[in-house]
């Protein structure tokens, strides 16, 4: 018999493959552990968000006016009816306009607060953060009823304005666009402040010192350094406030009523009061699509604009 030859090259190759195989097994175990940890959340999201949203999408394509017995008739008539009716188009424009006003008010009032939080000491910053976030601990319904009492024709705000001689007669602040903007700004301003403050915290203070050494005034330093570097937080806050304002129901219903028919209120009335489930579903998806389109276009424009470097 011939002696069996021992090939060292095969043994070396097998030793080289063992760490790679072990690494793949470890990665597979890590992925499996991550999937198992996320499984309860995924099941919750699928069961209570994805499935209902798909069902609403399904309902939006059913034409109830052409039902034949128990057989559903599918068409895009609900969407065509929306975009050809001036009332619903006005409601869509009103929703976008009120949401934009809310974003502007929240940004103008929230940025100074966020800048103060970034400049103050850690102890004061913690106190200001608590004050900013504390309204979120109170139900939005309770806060809206508080504003309801303040904005009445004989409420505190109008009494103060007439008492100081600023206005001769009470202003119509309730059941108007102004009242809805006030309520939405009060509800969502903390999100704007905290988003901007997060970006301001990451700005290196030495940049402003260097600008001052080079002769830049505080205002010039703010326009050239602080404001551009805080754009990611501004954009995040604007997207948050705009999205939540577009989908808000409680505040427009209480502060605006029938005088301010924003789309969430219209969709609710169609489904609950008029029992037009299919048309209300179509209105809901129009609102969702318009919101996503505006947010996507705005973020892309900001990321590709003059200050695109700060978003990288």
Protein backbone atom coordinates (compact mmCIF):
# COMPACT_ATOMS: atom_id res chain seq x y z
CA UNK A 1 0.00 0.00 0.00
CA UNK A 2 1.13 3.51 -0.78
CA UNK A 3 1.55 5.85 2.21
CA UNK A 4 -1.12 8.52 2.65
CA UNK A 5 0.27 11.96 1.96
CA UNK A 6 -0.61 14.76 4.31
CA UNK A 7 -1.43 17.98 2.44
CA UNK A 8 -0.52 20.96 4.65
CA UNK A 9 -2.15 23.39 2.23
CA UNK A 10 -5.61 21.92 2.82
CA UNK A 11 -5.18 22.19 6.58
CA UNK A 12 -4.06 25.82 6.30
CA UNK A 13 -7.02 26.65 4.04
CA UNK A 14 -9.46 25.03 6.47
CA UNK A 15 -7.95 27.00 9.36
CA UNK A 16 -8.42 30.22 7.39
CA UNK A 17 -12.06 29.44 6.68
CA UNK A 18 -12.95 28.68 10.29
CA UNK A 19 -12.88 32.33 11.55
CA UNK A 20 -14.97 33.46 8.56
CA UNK A 21 -17.55 30.76 9.22
CA UNK A 22 -17.62 31.58 12.92
CA UNK A 23 -18.00 35.27 12.10
CA UNK A 24 -20.98 34.56 9.83
CA UNK A 25 -22.60 32.46 12.52
CA UNK A 26 -22.11 35.21 15.10
CA UNK A 27 -23.58 37.83 12.76
CA UNK A 28 -26.53 35.54 12.07
CA UNK A 29 -27.13 35.14 15.80
CA UNK A 30 -26.95 38.91 16.31
CA UNK A 31 -29.49 39.51 13.55
CA UNK A 32 -31.76 36.84 14.97
CA UNK A 33 -31.55 38.38 18.44
CA UNK A 34 -32.34 41.84 17.01
CA UNK A 35 -35.33 40.47 15.09
CA UNK A 36 -36.66 38.71 18.18
CA UNK A 37 -36.32 41.90 20.23
CA UNK A 38 -38.11 43.96 17.58
CA UNK A 39 -40.78 41.35 16.89
CA UNK A 40 -43.34 42.59 19.50
CA UNK A 41 -43.02 46.17 18.22
CA UNK A 42 -43.25 45.04 14.59
CA UNK A 43 -46.37 43.00 15.32
CA UNK A 44 -47.92 45.96 17.12
CA UNK A 45 -47.15 48.34 14.24
CA UNK A 46 -48.41 45.89 11.62
CA UNK A 47 -51.58 45.05 13.55
CA UNK A 48 -52.56 48.52 14.72
CA UNK A 49 -51.13 50.77 11.99
CA UNK A 50 -50.29 49.02 8.72
CA UNK A 51 -53.41 46.83 8.53
CA UNK A 52 -55.86 49.68 9.40
CA UNK A 53 -54.15 52.00 6.93
CA UNK A 54 -54.39 49.39 4.17
CA UNK A 55 -58.05 48.84 5.02
CA UNK A 56 -58.76 52.58 4.84
CA UNK A 57 -56.96 52.66 1.47
CA UNK A 58 -59.16 49.79 0.31
CA UNK A 59 -62.32 51.62 1.43
CA UNK A 60 -61.29 54.79 -0.41
CA UNK A 61 -61.60 53.04 -3.77
CA UNK A 62 -65.14 51.73 -3.17
CA UNK A 63 -67.85 53.68 -4.98
CA UNK A 64 -70.97 53.45 -2.82
CA UNK A 65 -73.13 55.21 -5.41
CA UNK A 66 -72.72 52.34 -7.88
CA UNK A 67 -72.99 49.35 -5.55
CA UNK A 68 -74.69 46.34 -7.13
CA UNK A 69 -76.08 44.19 -4.34
CA UNK A 70 -73.29 42.91 -2.14
CA UNK A 71 -70.61 43.33 -4.82
CA UNK A 72 -68.35 46.33 -4.32
CA UNK A 73 -67.56 48.60 -7.26
CA UNK A 74 -64.03 49.98 -7.29
CA UNK A 75 -63.14 53.32 -8.84
CA UNK A 76 -61.30 56.58 -8.21
CA UNK A 77 -64.53 58.60 -8.12
CA UNK A 78 -64.01 59.53 -4.46
CA UNK A 79 -60.68 61.18 -5.29
CA UNK A 80 -62.10 62.82 -8.43
CA UNK A 81 -65.01 64.18 -6.40
CA UNK A 82 -62.58 65.68 -3.89
CA UNK A 83 -60.44 67.51 -6.45
CA UNK A 84 -63.45 68.78 -8.39
CA UNK A 85 -65.36 70.17 -5.40
CA UNK A 86 -64.49 73.74 -4.44
CA UNK A 87 -65.49 73.21 -0.80
CA UNK A 88 -62.96 70.43 -0.25
CA UNK A 89 -60.25 72.25 -2.19
CA UNK A 90 -60.84 75.28 0.03
CA UNK A 91 -60.62 73.03 3.07
CA UNK A 92 -57.30 71.63 1.80
CA UNK A 93 -55.88 75.11 1.20
CA UNK A 94 -57.12 76.25 4.61
CA UNK A 95 -55.40 73.29 6.28
CA UNK A 96 -52.09 74.03 4.55
CA UNK A 97 -52.34 77.77 5.30
CA UNK A 98 -53.11 77.31 9.02
CA UNK A 99 -50.30 74.75 9.31
CA UNK A 100 -47.82 77.15 7.68
CA UNK A 101 -48.91 79.97 10.01
CA UNK A 102 -48.42 77.63 12.95
CA UNK A 103 -44.90 76.78 11.75
CA UNK A 104 -43.99 80.45 11.37
CA UNK A 105 -45.33 81.42 14.81
CA UNK A 106 -43.65 78.45 16.48
CA UNK A 107 -40.32 79.23 14.78
CA UNK A 108 -40.33 82.95 15.58
CA UNK A 109 -41.29 82.41 19.23
CA UNK A 110 -39.35 79.21 19.75
CA UNK A 111 -35.94 80.07 18.29
CA UNK A 112 -35.08 82.73 20.93
CA UNK A 113 -36.00 80.26 23.67
CA UNK A 114 -33.82 77.55 22.12
CA UNK A 115 -30.93 80.03 21.70
CA UNK A 116 -31.25 81.03 25.35
CA UNK A 117 -31.18 77.37 26.38
CA UNK A 118 -27.98 76.85 24.37
CA UNK A 119 -26.20 79.90 25.86
CA UNK A 120 -27.11 79.48 29.53
CA UNK A 121 -25.52 77.29 32.20
CA UNK A 122 -26.39 73.58 32.48
CA UNK A 123 -28.47 74.17 35.60
CA UNK A 124 -30.59 76.89 33.99
CA UNK A 125 -30.80 74.82 30.80
CA UNK A 126 -32.29 71.92 32.71
CA UNK A 127 -34.87 74.22 34.31
CA UNK A 128 -35.80 75.76 30.95
CA UNK A 129 -36.10 72.30 29.38
CA UNK A 130 -38.48 71.30 32.15
CA UNK A 131 -40.57 74.43 31.63
CA UNK A 132 -40.69 73.90 27.87
CA UNK A 133 -41.68 70.23 28.14
CA UNK A 134 -44.12 70.64 31.03
CA UNK A 135 -47.13 71.57 28.83
CA UNK A 136 -46.80 68.15 27.18
CA UNK A 137 -47.75 66.59 30.52
CA UNK A 138 -51.20 68.20 30.31
CA UNK A 139 -53.89 66.91 27.98
CA UNK A 140 -54.30 68.95 24.82
CA UNK A 141 -58.05 69.04 25.46
CA UNK A 142 -57.49 70.75 28.82
CA UNK A 143 -55.12 73.28 27.27
CA UNK A 144 -57.56 74.05 24.47
CA UNK A 145 -60.38 74.65 26.93
CA UNK A 146 -58.07 77.05 28.76
CA UNK A 147 -57.45 78.98 25.54
CA UNK A 148 -61.18 78.79 24.81
CA UNK A 149 -61.92 80.75 27.99
CA UNK A 150 -59.11 83.22 27.34
CA UNK A 151 -60.18 83.99 23.77
CA UNK A 152 -63.89 84.45 24.35
CA UNK A 153 -65.34 87.88 23.37
CA UNK A 154 -65.55 88.65 27.10
CA UNK A 155 -62.44 86.65 27.92
CA UNK A 156 -59.21 87.77 29.51
CA UNK A 157 -57.40 88.62 26.26
CA UNK A 158 -60.17 90.85 24.87
CA UNK A 159 -60.75 92.51 28.24
CA UNK A 160 -57.05 93.32 28.44
CA UNK A 161 -56.95 94.71 24.90
CA UNK A 162 -60.02 96.89 25.36
CA UNK A 163 -58.92 97.96 28.84
CA UNK A 164 -55.57 99.19 27.51
CA UNK A 165 -57.29 101.00 24.67
CA UNK A 166 -55.62 98.89 21.97
CA UNK A 167 -58.96 97.85 20.49
CA UNK A 168 -62.35 99.53 20.72
CA UNK A 169 -64.37 96.32 20.50
CA UNK A 170 -63.57 92.66 21.24
CA UNK A 171 -61.64 90.82 18.54
CA UNK A 172 -63.02 87.64 17.03
CA UNK A 173 -60.28 85.30 18.23
CA UNK A 174 -62.42 82.25 18.86
CA UNK A 175 -63.83 80.17 15.99
CA UNK A 176 -61.38 81.76 13.60
CA UNK A 177 -58.08 80.95 11.92
CA UNK A 178 -56.24 83.05 14.51
CA UNK A 179 -57.68 80.99 17.35
CA UNK A 180 -56.68 77.73 15.68
CA UNK A 181 -53.14 79.02 15.04
CA UNK A 182 -52.83 80.09 18.69
CA UNK A 183 -53.99 76.69 19.91
CA UNK A 184 -51.77 74.72 17.54
CA UNK A 185 -48.72 76.91 18.27
CA UNK A 186 -49.20 76.40 21.99
CA UNK A 187 -49.53 72.65 21.51
CA UNK A 188 -46.55 72.06 19.21
CA UNK A 189 -44.06 74.80 20.07
CA UNK A 190 -42.14 72.53 22.51
CA UNK A 191 -41.25 70.25 19.59
CA UNK A 192 -39.87 73.21 17.66
CA UNK A 193 -37.86 74.49 20.63
CA UNK A 194 -36.33 71.13 21.51
CA UNK A 195 -35.45 70.35 17.87
CA UNK A 196 -33.64 73.67 17.41
CA UNK A 197 -31.95 73.46 20.81
CA UNK A 198 -30.50 70.05 19.92
CA UNK A 199 -28.71 71.57 16.92
CA UNK A 200 -27.56 74.61 18.86
CA UNK A 201 -25.98 72.40 21.53
CA UNK A 202 -23.69 70.86 18.90
CA UNK A 203 -22.25 74.17 17.66
CA UNK A 204 -18.65 74.68 18.76
CA UNK A 205 -18.46 77.90 20.89
CA UNK A 206 -14.96 78.57 19.56
CA UNK A 207 -16.45 79.41 16.15
CA UNK A 208 -18.22 82.45 17.55
CA UNK A 209 -15.09 83.48 19.46
CA UNK A 210 -13.04 83.25 16.27
CA UNK A 211 -15.63 85.36 14.44
CA UNK A 212 -15.49 87.99 17.20
CA UNK A 213 -11.68 88.07 17.02
CA UNK A 214 -11.91 88.65 13.28
CA UNK A 215 -14.15 91.65 13.90
CA UNK A 216 -17.60 90.21 13.29
CA UNK A 217 -20.44 91.74 15.29
CA UNK A 218 -22.74 89.46 17.33
CA UNK A 219 -25.49 89.88 14.74
CA UNK A 220 -23.10 89.08 11.87
CA UNK A 221 -21.81 86.08 13.79
CA UNK A 222 -25.36 84.87 14.30
CA UNK A 223 -26.25 85.18 10.61
CA UNK A 224 -23.02 83.59 9.37
CA UNK A 225 -22.45 80.84 11.95
CA UNK A 226 -25.26 80.15 14.41
CA UNK A 227 -28.22 80.31 12.04
CA UNK A 228 -26.75 78.17 9.23
CA UNK A 229 -25.43 75.52 11.63
CA UNK A 230 -28.83 75.30 13.35
CA UNK A 231 -30.68 74.67 10.08
CA UNK A 232 -30.97 70.89 10.65
CA UNK A 233 -32.83 71.55 13.89
CA UNK A 234 -34.98 74.24 12.25
CA UNK A 235 -35.94 71.89 9.41
CA UNK A 236 -36.69 69.06 11.83
CA UNK A 237 -38.86 71.32 13.97
CA UNK A 238 -40.69 72.73 10.96
CA UNK A 239 -41.41 69.25 9.59
CA UNK A 240 -42.67 68.06 12.97
CA UNK A 241 -44.90 71.07 13.60
CA UNK A 242 -46.24 71.14 10.04
CA UNK A 243 -47.04 67.42 9.98
CA UNK A 244 -48.79 67.48 13.34
CA UNK A 245 -50.71 70.66 12.45
CA UNK A 246 -51.91 69.14 9.18
CA UNK A 247 -53.28 66.10 11.01
CA UNK A 248 -54.60 67.86 14.12
CA UNK A 249 -58.25 67.33 14.95
CA UNK A 250 -58.95 68.38 18.55
CA UNK A 251 -57.66 71.96 18.31
CA UNK A 252 -59.39 72.86 15.00
CA UNK A 253 -62.63 71.28 16.22
CA UNK A 254 -62.65 73.21 19.53
CA UNK A 255 -61.03 76.49 18.49
CA UNK A 256 -62.26 76.72 14.92
CA UNK A 257 -65.56 74.87 14.79
CA UNK A 258 -67.51 75.05 11.55
CA UNK A 259 -65.85 78.36 10.61
CA UNK A 260 -62.47 76.66 10.10
CA UNK A 261 -63.18 73.35 8.30
CA UNK A 262 -59.73 71.81 8.25
CA UNK A 263 -59.38 68.45 6.51
CA UNK A 264 -59.09 66.28 9.66
CA UNK A 265 -62.39 67.73 10.88
CA UNK A 266 -63.95 67.21 7.45
CA UNK A 267 -62.80 63.58 7.34
CA UNK A 268 -64.17 62.99 10.85
CA UNK A 269 -67.54 64.49 9.91
CA UNK A 270 -67.73 62.38 6.76
CA UNK A 271 -67.06 59.14 8.65
CA UNK A 272 -68.80 59.68 11.99
CA UNK A 273 -71.66 62.07 11.28
CA UNK A 274 -72.51 61.40 7.62
CA UNK A 275 -71.45 57.71 7.69
CA UNK A 276 -69.68 58.10 4.36
CA UNK A 277 -66.82 55.78 5.22
CA UNK A 278 -65.46 55.46 1.71
CA UNK A 279 -65.35 59.18 0.97
CA UNK A 280 -63.95 59.95 4.42
CA UNK A 281 -61.20 57.39 3.77
CA UNK A 282 -60.36 59.11 0.47
CA UNK A 283 -60.18 62.49 2.23
CA UNK A 284 -57.82 60.99 4.81
CA UNK A 285 -55.49 59.64 2.14
CA UNK A 286 -55.52 62.92 0.24
CA UNK A 287 -54.44 64.63 3.45
CA UNK A 288 -51.71 62.04 4.00
CA UNK A 289 -50.45 62.29 0.43
CA UNK A 290 -50.38 66.09 0.36
CA UNK A 291 -48.55 66.21 3.71
CA UNK A 292 -45.92 63.70 2.59
CA UNK A 293 -45.43 65.51 -0.72
CA UNK A 294 -44.93 68.93 0.91
CA UNK A 295 -42.58 67.58 3.57
CA UNK A 296 -40.53 65.61 1.02
CA UNK A 297 -40.18 68.55 -1.37
CA UNK A 298 -39.25 70.94 1.44
CA UNK A 299 -36.60 68.66 2.96
CA UNK A 300 -35.05 67.90 -0.44
CA UNK A 301 -34.89 71.60 -1.28
CA UNK A 302 -33.17 72.38 2.02
CA UNK A 303 -30.73 69.49 1.70
CA UNK A 304 -29.73 70.52 -1.83
CA UNK A 305 -29.76 74.27 -1.27
CA UNK A 306 -27.07 76.74 -0.36
CA UNK A 307 -26.41 75.24 3.08
CA UNK A 308 -26.53 71.58 2.03
CA UNK A 309 -23.19 70.91 3.77
CA UNK A 310 -24.73 71.29 7.23
CA UNK A 311 -27.15 68.41 6.55
CA UNK A 312 -24.36 65.90 5.90
